[in-house]
PDB file of N, CA and C in Angstrom:
ATOM      1  N   GLU A   1      51.700 -32.844 -24.129  1.00  0.00           N
ATOM      2  CA  GLU A   1      50.568 -31.941 -24.181  1.00  0.00           C
ATOM      3  C   GLU A   1      49.998 -31.816 -22.780  1.00  0.00           C
ATOM      4  N   TYR A   2      49.856 -30.584 -22.321  1.00  0.00           N
ATOM      5  CA  TYR A   2      49.410 -30.337 -20.958  1.00  0.00           C
ATOM      6  C   TYR A   2      47.931 -29.958 -20.854  1.00  0.00           C
ATOM      7  N   LEU A   3      47.283 -29.669 -21.982  1.00  0.00           N
ATOM      8  CA  LEU A   3      45.889 -29.226 -22.005  1.00  0.00           C
ATOM      9  C   LEU A   3      45.686 -27.984 -21.143  1.00  0.00           C
ATOM     10  N   ALA A   4      46.717 -27.161 -21.097  1.00  0.00           N
ATOM     11  CA  ALA A   4      46.700 -25.900 -20.357  1.00  0.00           C
ATOM     12  C   ALA A   4      47.778 -25.004 -20.964  1.00  0.00           C
ATOM     13  N   PRO A   5      47.700 -23.700 -20.736  1.00  0.00           N
ATOM     14  CA  PRO A   5      48.714 -22.797 -21.300  1.00  0.00           C
ATOM     15  C   PRO A   5      50.043 -22.895 -20.543  1.00  0.00           C
ATOM     16  N   ILE A   6      50.714 -24.032 -20.692  1.00  0.00           N
ATOM     17  CA  ILE A   6      52.003 -24.294 -20.049  1.00  0.00           C
ATOM     18  C   ILE A   6      53.042 -24.463 -21.148  1.00  0.00           C
ATOM     19  N   LEU A   7      54.184 -23.842 -20.985  1.00  0.00           N
ATOM     20  CA  LEU A   7      55.250 -23.921 -21.972  1.00  0.00           C
ATOM     21  C   LEU A   7      56.426 -24.688 -21.388  1.00  0.00           C
ATOM     22  N   ALA A   8      56.828 -25.755 -22.058  1.00  0.00           N
ATOM     23  CA  ALA A   8      57.997 -26.523 -21.636  1.00  0.00           C
ATOM     24  C   ALA A   8      59.224 -25.929 -22.322  1.00  0.00           C
ATOM     25  N   VAL A   9      60.159 -25.422 -21.543  1.00  0.00           N
ATOM     26  CA  VAL A   9      61.342 -24.754 -22.083  1.00  0.00           C
ATOM     27  C   VAL A   9      62.586 -25.417 -21.510  1.00  0.00           C
ATOM     28  N   ARG A  10      63.568 -25.610 -22.358  1.00  0.00           N
ATOM     29  CA  ARG A  10      64.862 -26.135 -21.915  1.00  0.00           C
ATOM     30  C   ARG A  10      65.931 -25.202 -22.465  1.00  0.00           C
ATOM     31  N   VAL A  11      66.730 -24.614 -21.596  1.00  0.00           N
ATOM     32  CA  VAL A  11      67.839 -23.763 -22.018  1.00  0.00           C
ATOM     33  C   VAL A  11      69.029 -24.674 -22.289  1.00  0.00           C
ATOM     34  N   VAL A  12      69.590 -24.553 -23.489  1.00  0.00           N
ATOM     35  CA  VAL A  12      70.715 -25.397 -23.895  1.00  0.00           C
ATOM     36  C   VAL A  12      71.859 -24.525 -24.393  1.00  0.00           C
ATOM     37  N   LYS A  13      73.017 -25.139 -24.566  1.00  0.00           N
ATOM     38  CA  LYS A  13      74.234 -24.410 -24.932  1.00  0.00           C
ATOM     39  C   LYS A  13      74.161 -23.794 -26.325  1.00  0.00           C
ATOM     40  N   ASP A  14      73.653 -24.562 -27.291  1.00  0.00           N
ATOM     41  CA  ASP A  14      73.647 -24.088 -28.672  1.00  0.00           C
ATOM     42  C   ASP A  14      72.622 -24.870 -29.488  1.00  0.00           C
ATOM     43  N   LEU A  15      72.563 -24.580 -30.785  1.00  0.00           N
ATOM     44  CA  LEU A  15      71.590 -25.225 -31.659  1.00  0.00           C
ATOM     45  C   LEU A  15      71.812 -26.731 -31.733  1.00  0.00           C
ATOM     46  N   ASP A  16      73.058 -27.167 -31.764  1.00  0.00           N
ATOM     47  CA  ASP A  16      73.343 -28.606 -31.777  1.00  0.00           C
ATOM     48  C   ASP A  16      72.717 -29.290 -30.566  1.00  0.00           C
ATOM     49  N   ALA A  17      72.890 -28.691 -29.398  1.00  0.00           N
ATOM     50  CA  ALA A  17      72.334 -29.266 -28.167  1.00  0.00           C
ATOM     51  C   ALA A  17      70.810 -29.256 -28.196  1.00  0.00           C
ATOM     52  N   ALA A  18      70.224 -28.212 -28.756  1.00  0.00           N
ATOM     53  CA  ALA A  18      68.760 -28.128 -28.842  1.00  0.00           C
ATOM     54  C   ALA A  18      68.209 -29.237 -29.728  1.00  0.00           C
ATOM     55  N   ILE A  19      68.800 -29.407 -30.893  1.00  0.00           N
ATOM     56  CA  ILE A  19      68.334 -30.437 -31.822  1.00  0.00           C
ATOM     57  C   ILE A  19      68.540 -31.829 -31.225  1.00  0.00           C
ATOM     58  N   ALA A  20      69.664 -32.041 -30.555  1.00  0.00           N
ATOM     59  CA  ALA A  20      69.926 -33.335 -29.909  1.00  0.00           C
ATOM     60  C   ALA A  20      68.913 -33.597 -28.792  1.00  0.00           C
ATOM     61  N   HIS A  21      68.611 -32.572 -27.992  1.00  0.00           N
ATOM     62  CA  HIS A  21      67.644 -32.722 -26.899  1.00  0.00           C
ATOM     63  C   HIS A  21      66.265 -33.088 -27.450  1.00  0.00           C
ATOM     64  N   ILE A  22      65.834 -32.391 -28.492  1.00  0.00           N
ATOM     65  CA  ILE A  22      64.533 -32.681 -29.096  1.00  0.00           C
ATOM     66  C   ILE A  22      64.527 -34.090 -29.688  1.00  0.00           C
ATOM     67  N   GLY A  23      65.631 -34.474 -30.338  1.00  0.00           N
ATOM     68  CA  GLY A  23      65.720 -35.817 -30.904  1.00  0.00           C
ATOM     69  C   GLY A  23      65.600 -36.903 -29.849  1.00  0.00           C
ATOM     70  N   LYS A  24      66.142 -36.651 -28.666  1.00  0.00           N
ATOM     71  CA  LYS A  24      66.123 -37.652 -27.595  1.00  0.00           C
ATOM     72  C   LYS A  24      64.823 -37.637 -26.787  1.00  0.00           C
ATOM     73  N   TYR A  25      64.315 -36.456 -26.469  1.00  0.00           N
ATOM     74  CA  TYR A  25      63.186 -36.352 -25.550  1.00  0.00           C
ATOM     75  C   TYR A  25      61.881 -35.884 -26.195  1.00  0.00           C
ATOM     76  N   GLY A  26      61.927 -35.436 -27.430  1.00  0.00           N
ATOM     77  CA  GLY A  26      60.742 -34.880 -28.069  1.00  0.00           C
ATOM     78  C   GLY A  26      59.697 -35.923 -28.419  1.00  0.00           C
ATOM     79  N   SER A  27      58.484 -35.458 -28.668  1.00  0.00           N
ATOM     80  CA  SER A  27      57.366 -36.343 -29.003  1.00  0.00           C
ATOM     81  C   SER A  27      57.169 -36.494 -30.506  1.00  0.00           C
ATOM     82  N   GLN A  28      57.905 -35.746 -31.305  1.00  0.00           N
ATOM     83  CA  GLN A  28      57.740 -35.672 -32.760  1.00  0.00           C
ATOM     84  C   GLN A  28      56.375 -35.092 -33.135  1.00  0.00           C
ATOM     85  N   HIS A  29      55.770 -34.359 -32.223  1.00  0.00           N
ATOM     86  CA  HIS A  29      54.480 -33.731 -32.487  1.00  0.00           C
ATOM     87  C   HIS A  29      54.681 -32.288 -32.931  1.00  0.00           C
ATOM     88  N   THR A  30      55.150 -31.422 -32.044  1.00  0.00           N
ATOM     89  CA  THR A  30      55.309 -30.007 -32.346  1.00  0.00           C
ATOM     90  C   THR A  30      56.537 -29.466 -31.633  1.00  0.00           C
ATOM     91  N   ASP A  31      57.382 -28.771 -32.384  1.00  0.00           N
ATOM     92  CA  ASP A  31      58.552 -28.119 -31.804  1.00  0.00           C
ATOM     93  C   ASP A  31      58.721 -26.755 -32.446  1.00  0.00           C
ATOM     94  N   ALA A  32      59.312 -25.825 -31.679  1.00  0.00           N
ATOM     95  CA  ALA A  32      59.460 -24.453 -32.159  1.00  0.00           C
ATOM     96  C   ALA A  32      60.818 -23.897 -31.775  1.00  0.00           C
ATOM     97  N   ILE A  33      61.253 -22.920 -32.562  1.00  0.00           N
ATOM     98  CA  ILE A  33      62.481 -22.187 -32.276  1.00  0.00           C
ATOM     99  C   ILE A  33      62.163 -20.694 -32.336  1.00  0.00           C
ATOM    100  N   VAL A  34      62.771 -19.945 -31.435  1.00  0.00           N
ATOM    101  CA  VAL A  34      62.702 -18.485 -31.461  1.00  0.00           C
ATOM    102  C   VAL A  34      64.106 -18.015 -31.796  1.00  0.00           C
ATOM    103  N   THR A  35      64.251 -17.400 -32.968  1.00  0.00           N
ATOM    104  CA  THR A  35      65.577 -16.992 -33.429  1.00  0.00           C
ATOM    105  C   THR A  35      65.471 -15.872 -34.450  1.00  0.00           C
ATOM    106  N   GLU A  36      66.515 -15.075 -34.533  1.00  0.00           N
ATOM    107  CA  GLU A  36      66.641 -14.081 -35.597  1.00  0.00           C
ATOM    108  C   GLU A  36      67.624 -14.554 -36.652  1.00  0.00           C
ATOM    109  N   ASP A  37      68.246 -15.706 -36.426  1.00  0.00           N
ATOM    110  CA  ASP A  37      69.255 -16.258 -37.327  1.00  0.00           C
ATOM    111  C   ASP A  37      68.580 -17.172 -38.349  1.00  0.00           C
ATOM    112  N   GLU A  38      68.516 -16.713 -39.595  1.00  0.00           N
ATOM    113  CA  GLU A  38      67.829 -17.472 -40.641  1.00  0.00           C
ATOM    114  C   GLU A  38      68.467 -18.839 -40.877  1.00  0.00           C
ATOM    115  N   ALA A  39      69.788 -18.913 -40.797  1.00  0.00           N
ATOM    116  CA  ALA A  39      70.468 -20.199 -40.989  1.00  0.00           C
ATOM    117  C   ALA A  39      70.078 -21.184 -39.885  1.00  0.00           C
ATOM    118  N   HIS A  40      69.968 -20.700 -38.649  1.00  0.00           N
ATOM    119  CA  HIS A  40      69.534 -21.569 -37.546  1.00  0.00           C
ATOM    120  C   HIS A  40      68.104 -22.040 -37.768  1.00  0.00           C
ATOM    121  N   ALA A  41      67.240 -21.131 -38.202  1.00  0.00           N
ATOM    122  CA  ALA A  41      65.844 -21.497 -38.452  1.00  0.00           C
ATOM    123  C   ALA A  41      65.756 -22.576 -39.525  1.00  0.00           C
ATOM    124  N   LYS A  42      66.470 -22.400 -40.619  1.00  0.00           N
ATOM    125  CA  LYS A  42      66.430 -23.384 -41.707  1.00  0.00           C
ATOM    126  C   LYS A  42      66.976 -24.734 -41.259  1.00  0.00           C
ATOM    127  N   ARG A  43      68.050 -24.715 -40.494  1.00  0.00           N
ATOM    128  CA  ARG A  43      68.615 -25.978 -40.005  1.00  0.00           C
ATOM    129  C   ARG A  43      67.643 -26.663 -39.043  1.00  0.00           C
ATOM    130  N   PHE A  44      67.021 -25.893 -38.168  1.00  0.00           N
ATOM    131  CA  PHE A  44      66.035 -26.432 -37.235  1.00  0.00           C
ATOM    132  C   PHE A  44      64.895 -27.097 -38.002  1.00  0.00           C
ATOM    133  N   LEU A  45      64.382 -26.425 -39.020  1.00  0.00           N
ATOM    134  CA  LEU A  45      63.302 -26.982 -39.836  1.00  0.00           C
ATOM    135  C   LEU A  45      63.724 -28.277 -40.514  1.00  0.00           C
ATOM    136  N   ARG A  46      64.941 -28.315 -40.978  1.00  0.00           N
ATOM    137  CA  ARG A  46      65.451 -29.475 -41.716  1.00  0.00           C
ATOM    138  C   ARG A  46      65.715 -30.669 -40.800  1.00  0.00           C
ATOM    139  N   GLU A  47      66.231 -30.414 -39.608  1.00  0.00           N
ATOM    140  CA  GLU A  47      66.720 -31.504 -38.767  1.00  0.00           C
ATOM    141  C   GLU A  47      65.773 -31.955 -37.657  1.00  0.00           C
ATOM    142  N   VAL A  48      64.796 -31.152 -37.308  1.00  0.00           N
ATOM    143  CA  VAL A  48      63.851 -31.563 -36.270  1.00  0.00           C
ATOM    144  C   VAL A  48      62.739 -32.374 -36.932  1.00  0.00           C
ATOM    145  N   ASP A  49      62.592 -33.608 -36.485  1.00  0.00           N
ATOM    146  CA  ASP A  49      61.665 -34.554 -37.100  1.00  0.00           C
ATOM    147  C   ASP A  49      60.334 -34.561 -36.354  1.00  0.00           C
ATOM    148  N   SER A  50      59.571 -33.486 -36.514  1.00  0.00           N
ATOM    149  CA  SER A  50      58.255 -33.370 -35.890  1.00  0.00           C
ATOM    150  C   SER A  50      57.221 -33.064 -36.963  1.00  0.00           C
ATOM    151  N   SER A  51      55.964 -33.388 -36.675  1.00  0.00           N
ATOM    152  CA  SER A  51      54.927 -33.150 -37.676  1.00  0.00           C
ATOM    153  C   SER A  51      54.646 -31.666 -37.868  1.00  0.00           C
ATOM    154  N   SER A  52      54.889 -30.855 -36.853  1.00  0.00           N
ATOM    155  CA  SER A  52      54.766 -29.401 -36.965  1.00  0.00           C
ATOM    156  C   SER A  52      56.027 -28.769 -36.394  1.00  0.00           C
ATOM    157  N   VAL A  53      56.657 -27.926 -37.193  1.00  0.00           N
ATOM    158  CA  VAL A  53      57.860 -27.225 -36.758  1.00  0.00           C
ATOM    159  C   VAL A  53      57.619 -25.739 -37.003  1.00  0.00           C
ATOM    160  N   LEU A  54      57.767 -24.941 -35.959  1.00  0.00           N
ATOM    161  CA  LEU A  54      57.441 -23.527 -36.036  1.00  0.00           C
ATOM    162  C   LEU A  54      58.664 -22.663 -35.778  1.00  0.00           C
ATOM    163  N   VAL A  55      58.724 -21.541 -36.483  1.00  0.00           N
ATOM    164  CA  VAL A  55      59.792 -20.566 -36.308  1.00  0.00           C
ATOM    165  C   VAL A  55      59.148 -19.256 -35.873  1.00  0.00           C
ATOM    166  N   ASN A  56      59.495 -18.799 -34.685  1.00  0.00           N
ATOM    167  CA  ASN A  56      59.010 -17.519 -34.158  1.00  0.00           C
ATOM    168  C   ASN A  56      57.486 -17.427 -34.127  1.00  0.00           C
ATOM    169  N   ALA A  57      56.832 -18.524 -33.811  1.00  0.00           N
ATOM    170  CA  ALA A  57      55.374 -18.541 -33.693  1.00  0.00           C
ATOM    171  C   ALA A  57      54.993 -19.501 -32.572  1.00  0.00           C
ATOM    172  N   SER A  58      53.844 -19.265 -31.978  1.00  0.00           N
ATOM    173  CA  SER A  58      53.360 -20.080 -30.873  1.00  0.00           C
ATOM    174  C   SER A  58      53.056 -21.502 -31.325  1.00  0.00           C
ATOM    175  N   THR A  59      53.395 -22.472 -30.484  1.00  0.00           N
ATOM    176  CA  THR A  59      53.073 -23.867 -30.791  1.00  0.00           C
ATOM    177  C   THR A  59      51.566 -24.112 -30.756  1.00  0.00           C
ATOM    178  N   ARG A  60      50.807 -23.173 -30.271  1.00  0.00           N
ATOM    179  CA  ARG A  60      49.344 -23.320 -30.264  1.00  0.00           C
ATOM    180  C   ARG A  60      48.756 -23.221 -31.669  1.00  0.00           C
ATOM    181  N   PHE A  61      49.566 -22.843 -32.653  1.00  0.00           N
ATOM    182  CA  PHE A  61      49.103 -22.849 -34.039  1.00  0.00           C
ATOM    183  C   PHE A  61      49.090 -24.256 -34.628  1.00  0.00           C
ATOM    184  N   ALA A  62      49.678 -25.227 -33.946  1.00  0.00           N
ATOM    185  CA  ALA A  62      49.730 -26.609 -34.433  1.00  0.00           C
ATOM    186  C   ALA A  62      48.375 -27.266 -34.202  1.00  0.00           C
ATOM    187  N   ASP A  63      47.458 -27.016 -35.112  1.00  0.00           N
ATOM    188  CA  ASP A  63      46.078 -27.451 -34.962  1.00  0.00           C
ATOM    189  C   ASP A  63      45.484 -27.649 -36.352  1.00  0.00           C
ATOM    190  N   GLY A  64      44.737 -28.705 -36.536  1.00  0.00           N
ATOM    191  CA  GLY A  64      44.149 -28.996 -37.843  1.00  0.00           C
ATOM    192  C   GLY A  64      43.321 -27.854 -38.393  1.00  0.00           C
ATOM    193  N   PHE A  65      42.530 -27.205 -37.554  1.00  0.00           N
ATOM    194  CA  PHE A  65      41.717 -26.084 -38.011  1.00  0.00           C
ATOM    195  C   PHE A  65      42.598 -24.933 -38.470  1.00  0.00           C
ATOM    196  N   GLU A  66      43.649 -24.629 -37.707  1.00  0.00           N
ATOM    197  CA  GLU A  66      44.567 -23.546 -38.077  1.00  0.00           C
ATOM    198  C   GLU A  66      45.266 -23.835 -39.401  1.00  0.00           C
ATOM    199  N   TYR A  67      45.495 -25.113 -39.713  1.00  0.00           N
ATOM    200  CA  TYR A  67      46.154 -25.492 -40.966  1.00  0.00           C
ATOM    201  C   TYR A  67      45.173 -25.595 -42.129  1.00  0.00           C
ATOM    202  N   GLY A  68      43.917 -25.257 -41.885  1.00  0.00           N
ATOM    203  CA  GLY A  68      42.933 -25.291 -42.954  1.00  0.00           C
ATOM    204  C   GLY A  68      42.403 -26.681 -43.251  1.00  0.00           C
ATOM    205  N   LEU A  69      42.495 -27.587 -42.289  1.00  0.00           N
ATOM    206  CA  LEU A  69      42.057 -28.966 -42.503  1.00  0.00           C
ATOM    207  C   LEU A  69      40.652 -29.218 -41.979  1.00  0.00           C
ATOM    208  N   GLY A  70      39.971 -28.175 -41.520  1.00  0.00           N
ATOM    209  CA  GLY A  70      38.647 -28.351 -40.940  1.00  0.00           C
ATOM    210  C   GLY A  70      38.762 -28.705 -39.472  1.00  0.00           C
ATOM    211  N   ALA A  71      37.657 -29.144 -38.907  1.00  0.00           N
ATOM    212  CA  ALA A  71      37.640 -29.492 -37.485  1.00  0.00           C
ATOM    213  C   ALA A  71      38.600 -30.644 -37.228  1.00  0.00           C
ATOM    214  N   GLU A  72      39.377 -30.515 -36.180  1.00  0.00           N
ATOM    215  CA  GLU A  72      40.325 -31.574 -35.831  1.00  0.00           C
ATOM    216  C   GLU A  72      39.582 -32.650 -35.050  1.00  0.00           C
ATOM    217  N   ILE A  73      39.540 -33.855 -35.617  1.00  0.00           N
ATOM    218  CA  ILE A  73      38.822 -34.946 -34.960  1.00  0.00           C
ATOM    219  C   ILE A  73      39.769 -35.961 -34.339  1.00  0.00           C
ATOM    220  N   GLY A  74      41.036 -35.809 -34.601  1.00  0.00           N
ATOM    221  CA  GLY A  74      42.028 -36.710 -34.036  1.00  0.00           C
ATOM    222  C   GLY A  74      43.405 -36.271 -34.479  1.00  0.00           C
ATOM    223  N   ILE A  75      44.412 -36.880 -33.912  1.00  0.00           N
ATOM    224  CA  ILE A  75      45.779 -36.546 -34.287  1.00  0.00           C
ATOM    225  C   ILE A  75      46.633 -37.790 -34.152  1.00  0.00           C
ATOM    226  N   SER A  76      47.587 -37.915 -35.037  1.00  0.00           N
ATOM    227  CA  SER A  76      48.504 -39.050 -34.990  1.00  0.00           C
ATOM    228  C   SER A  76      49.909 -38.535 -34.735  1.00  0.00           C
ATOM    229  N   THR A  77      50.610 -39.177 -33.836  1.00  0.00           N
ATOM    230  CA  THR A  77      52.012 -38.835 -33.621  1.00  0.00           C
ATOM    231  C   THR A  77      52.928 -39.845 -34.297  1.00  0.00           C
ATOM    232  N   ASP A  78      52.344 -40.829 -34.962  1.00  0.00           N
ATOM    233  CA  ASP A  78      53.135 -41.793 -35.722  1.00  0.00           C
ATOM    234  C   ASP A  78      53.359 -41.273 -37.126  1.00  0.00           C
ATOM    235  N   LYS A  79      54.438 -41.745 -37.759  1.00  0.00           N
ATOM    236  CA  LYS A  79      54.704 -41.330 -39.134  1.00  0.00           C
ATOM    237  C   LYS A  79      53.823 -42.075 -40.122  1.00  0.00           C
ATOM    238  N   LEU A  80      53.533 -43.329 -39.866  1.00  0.00           N
ATOM    239  CA  LEU A  80      52.696 -44.115 -40.766  1.00  0.00           C
ATOM    240  C   LEU A  80      51.520 -44.638 -39.964  1.00  0.00           C
ATOM    241  N   HIS A  81      50.352 -44.182 -40.304  1.00  0.00           N
ATOM    242  CA  HIS A  81      49.178 -44.524 -39.519  1.00  0.00           C
ATOM    243  C   HIS A  81      48.180 -45.360 -40.300  1.00  0.00           C
ATOM    244  N   ALA A  82      48.477 -45.636 -41.566  1.00  0.00           N
ATOM    245  CA  ALA A  82      47.529 -46.369 -42.399  1.00  0.00           C
ATOM    246  C   ALA A  82      47.444 -47.826 -41.950  1.00  0.00           C
ATOM    247  N   ARG A  83      46.271 -48.404 -42.131  1.00  0.00           N
ATOM    248  CA  ARG A  83      46.057 -49.796 -41.777  1.00  0.00           C
ATOM    249  C   ARG A  83      45.155 -50.427 -42.824  1.00  0.00           C
ATOM    250  N   GLY A  84      45.369 -51.675 -43.147  1.00  0.00           N
ATOM    251  CA  GLY A  84      44.591 -52.324 -44.199  1.00  0.00           C
ATOM    252  C   GLY A  84      45.195 -51.996 -45.550  1.00  0.00           C
ATOM    253  N   PRO A  85      44.389 -52.127 -46.627  1.00  0.00           N
ATOM    254  CA  PRO A  85      44.911 -51.800 -47.959  1.00  0.00           C
ATOM    255  C   PRO A  85      45.421 -50.359 -47.988  1.00  0.00           C
ATOM    256  N   VAL A  86      46.591 -50.168 -48.560  1.00  0.00           N
ATOM    257  CA  VAL A  86      47.229 -48.853 -48.542  1.00  0.00           C
ATOM    258  C   VAL A  86      47.541 -48.412 -49.962  1.00  0.00           C
ATOM    259  N   GLY A  87      47.067 -47.239 -50.324  1.00  0.00           N
ATOM    260  CA  GLY A  87      47.425 -46.628 -51.593  1.00  0.00           C
ATOM    261  C   GLY A  87      48.537 -45.621 -51.378  1.00  0.00           C
ATOM    262  N   LEU A  88      48.888 -44.894 -52.431  1.00  0.00           N
ATOM    263  CA  LEU A  88      49.976 -43.925 -52.361  1.00  0.00           C
ATOM    264  C   LEU A  88      49.749 -42.892 -51.261  1.00  0.00           C
ATOM    265  N   GLU A  89      48.529 -42.382 -51.138  1.00  0.00           N
ATOM    266  CA  GLU A  89      48.251 -41.358 -50.126  1.00  0.00           C
ATOM    267  C   GLU A  89      48.518 -41.881 -48.714  1.00  0.00           C
ATOM    268  N   GLY A  90      48.252 -43.152 -48.475  1.00  0.00           N
ATOM    269  CA  GLY A  90      48.480 -43.735 -47.161  1.00  0.00           C
ATOM    270  C   GLY A  90      49.945 -43.912 -46.819  1.00  0.00           C
ATOM    271  N   LEU A  91      50.819 -43.805 -47.815  1.00  0.00           N
ATOM    272  CA  LEU A  91      52.253 -43.963 -47.585  1.00  0.00           C
ATOM    273  C   LEU A  91      52.977 -42.640 -47.399  1.00  0.00           C
ATOM    274  N   THR A  92      52.250 -41.548 -47.462  1.00  0.00           N
ATOM    275  CA  THR A  92      52.883 -40.240 -47.310  1.00  0.00           C
ATOM    276  C   THR A  92      52.605 -39.688 -45.918  1.00  0.00           C
ATOM    277  N   SER A  93      53.460 -38.811 -45.478  1.00  0.00           N
ATOM    278  CA  SER A  93      53.237 -38.119 -44.213  1.00  0.00           C
ATOM    279  C   SER A  93      53.495 -36.639 -44.435  1.00  0.00           C
ATOM    280  N   GLN A  94      52.969 -35.835 -43.548  1.00  0.00           N
ATOM    281  CA  GLN A  94      53.068 -34.390 -43.678  1.00  0.00           C
ATOM    282  C   GLN A  94      54.007 -33.826 -42.626  1.00  0.00           C
ATOM    283  N   LYS A  95      54.655 -32.731 -42.980  1.00  0.00           N
ATOM    284  CA  LYS A  95      55.403 -31.929 -42.015  1.00  0.00           C
ATOM    285  C   LYS A  95      54.967 -30.494 -42.242  1.00  0.00           C
ATOM    286  N   TYR A  96      54.324 -29.907 -41.264  1.00  0.00           N
ATOM    287  CA  TYR A  96      53.837 -28.541 -41.373  1.00  0.00           C
ATOM    288  C   TYR A  96      54.902 -27.593 -40.849  1.00  0.00           C
ATOM    289  N   VAL A  97      55.200 -26.561 -41.634  1.00  0.00           N
ATOM    290  CA  VAL A  97      56.204 -25.568 -41.275  1.00  0.00           C
ATOM    291  C   VAL A  97      55.498 -24.228 -41.132  1.00  0.00           C
ATOM    292  N   VAL A  98      55.687 -23.573 -40.005  1.00  0.00           N
ATOM    293  CA  VAL A  98      55.040 -22.296 -39.732  1.00  0.00           C
ATOM    294  C   VAL A  98      56.113 -21.264 -39.425  1.00  0.00           C
ATOM    295  N   PHE A  99      56.120 -20.161 -40.175  1.00  0.00           N
ATOM    296  CA  PHE A  99      57.002 -19.035 -39.900  1.00  0.00           C
ATOM    297  C   PHE A  99      56.178 -17.929 -39.267  1.00  0.00           C
ATOM    298  N   GLY A 100      56.733 -17.255 -38.306  1.00  0.00           N
ATOM    299  CA  GLY A 100      56.044 -16.148 -37.673  1.00  0.00           C
ATOM    300  C   GLY A 100      57.023 -15.077 -37.263  1.00  0.00           C
ATOM    301  N   SER A 101      56.489 -14.048 -36.641  1.00  0.00           N
ATOM    302  CA  SER A 101      57.331 -12.994 -36.084  1.00  0.00           C
ATOM    303  C   SER A 101      56.867 -12.688 -34.661  1.00  0.00           C
ATOM    304  N   GLY A 102      56.553 -13.759 -33.941  1.00  0.00           N
ATOM    305  CA  GLY A 102      56.148 -13.625 -32.550  1.00  0.00           C
ATOM    306  C   GLY A 102      54.658 -13.728 -32.305  1.00  0.00           C
ATOM    307  N   GLN A 103      53.881 -14.154 -33.297  1.00  0.00           N
ATOM    308  CA  GLN A 103      52.440 -14.263 -33.112  1.00  0.00           C
ATOM    309  C   GLN A 103      52.106 -15.294 -32.040  1.00  0.00           C
ATOM    310  N   ILE A 104      50.975 -15.053 -31.380  1.00  0.00           N
ATOM    311  CA  ILE A 104      50.469 -16.011 -30.408  1.00  0.00           C
ATOM    312  C   ILE A 104      49.035 -16.341 -30.765  1.00  0.00           C
ATOM    313  N   ARG A 105      48.519 -17.371 -30.161  1.00  0.00           N
ATOM    314  CA  ARG A 105      47.122 -17.756 -30.345  1.00  0.00           C
ATOM    315  C   ARG A 105      46.501 -17.884 -28.970  1.00  0.00           C
ATOM    316  N   GLN A 106      45.424 -17.178 -28.736  1.00  0.00           N
ATOM    317  CA  GLN A 106      44.751 -17.204 -27.423  1.00  0.00           C
ATOM    318  C   GLN A 106      43.914 -18.442 -27.277  1.00  0.00           C
TER     319      GLN A 106
END
């Protein structure tokens, strides 16, 4: 996260290389693909292990308020963040999927 309108882009050979690169260097926070190939989009959604995965939409949509969760007061990049006594809800994690057609967020 750069806290500025900066986009980190890596040009790779193919979808396999993209998914491998994200798996090795990604933060598991937010990743996006720009594609017209529905099969590639579905595979990207399935195989990229991030809390927010976007298809043809700006990564700036990865925000608690945008997801309808109210004001964002914090964020976890871990899969399991519960501490102390844990019920069923504490053992679950979310993966947000966003489809777009090129929308951006200012």
